[in-house]
Amino acid sequence: MPSHTIEGRSVRVALVGLGQIGSTHLQAMQDVPGAEVIALVEPREAARAVAADKGLRHFEGASDPALAELVDAVVVATPPSTHHELVRHFLERDIHVLCEKPLALGASEAHAMLELAAARGLELMMASKFRYVEDVAEARALVASGAIGAPAEFENAFCSKVAMRERWNARRAVAGGGVLIDNGTHSVDVARYLLGPLAAVQASFGPSLQGLEVEDSARLAFRTESGVLGSVDLSWSLQKPSETWAAVFGREGTLLLGWKGSRYRRDGSDWTAFGQGYDKLRCLRAQFANFVGVVSGREAPRITAADALASVEVIETAYASAAQERWLRVGAAS
């Protein structure tokens, strides 16, 4: 529990960044028990109208001293290259932070951010929306219960055609890389959540189909500390239509996570359906509610500091493995 716990009143929150994901965060943050969204931080002029419509104070930048006096916590939804500076700015002013993934561009930055939060008794939580998909939480419980036997293999694919040339995600200096750091951050965090820590990785990149300065397709192989093998396909340029986005294969059965619902079965038995599938707004709302609960001292974080740091370390090691064309132990790139 953070020592700067907000008790006896609502947590006063500001959203920092009103891009595509920031706009969705703002929707998800409305009417969450225990939270009062009071400010919007975004330099673009269009944000003034959004703030006025929502009854929020508008700030053009995070450095305005009045902002720190108003809020207890912020949700940072800006590009990755800004995370380190922004997060440190708020932590140094005793403000709790929920920061979009990836937490940082490298493990050294992530470690410093998390170390500062711990030293000041504040919550720094990395946003990782798939942990808050109800199906994923149920899948974790099913795997842990032995419903499909000991897990042996994991598969995941996030592949769909998206024009990226004009988006900041395709600028290395802003995003830190391409589809691997963007969508792959979700992949490795889901794998860790379901199967435990990842021990070693090997990544490779496909041909550049959009002519970007970063990779637009990637394949990541991994091995967990318990010996589970994993395979992840990522692409902004290839369409791989499927009702299933992830699968866990156990010694005695199979579990499938789907966009519209999920299912599992033991070998020789019928499928058992569970969950409601993926809904971005619903899982972002659950994530924000968990953050507010942690800051208020009522809940434990579903994604811990160790999880957030591991996510950055795995992706950093994956890029190093692609450059060296070999398997690497996680953390070997640091």
Foldseek 3Di string as FASTA:
>chain_A
DFPLFDADAAFEEEEEDDDPVSVLLVVLQPPQPRHDDAEYEDQDPVVVVVCVVVVHHYHPHPPPPVVLVGGQEYEYDFFQLCQLVNLVVNLVSNHAYEYEPLNHLALVSLVVSVVSCVVSRHHYHYDQLVLLAPVLVVLLVCQVVCQAHPWAEKEFEDADADQPAPPPQLPCSRHVAHQCRPVVLNVQLSCCSRPNAWWKKEKAADDQPNPTPHGFWMWMWTAGPVGHIYIYTTGNHDDDDDQFGMKIHHPFWIWTAGQQWIWIHGPPDDIDTDHGHDDRSSSSSVQVSQVSCVSNVNHDHSQHSVSSSSSNQRSQNNVVNHVVVHMDTRPPND
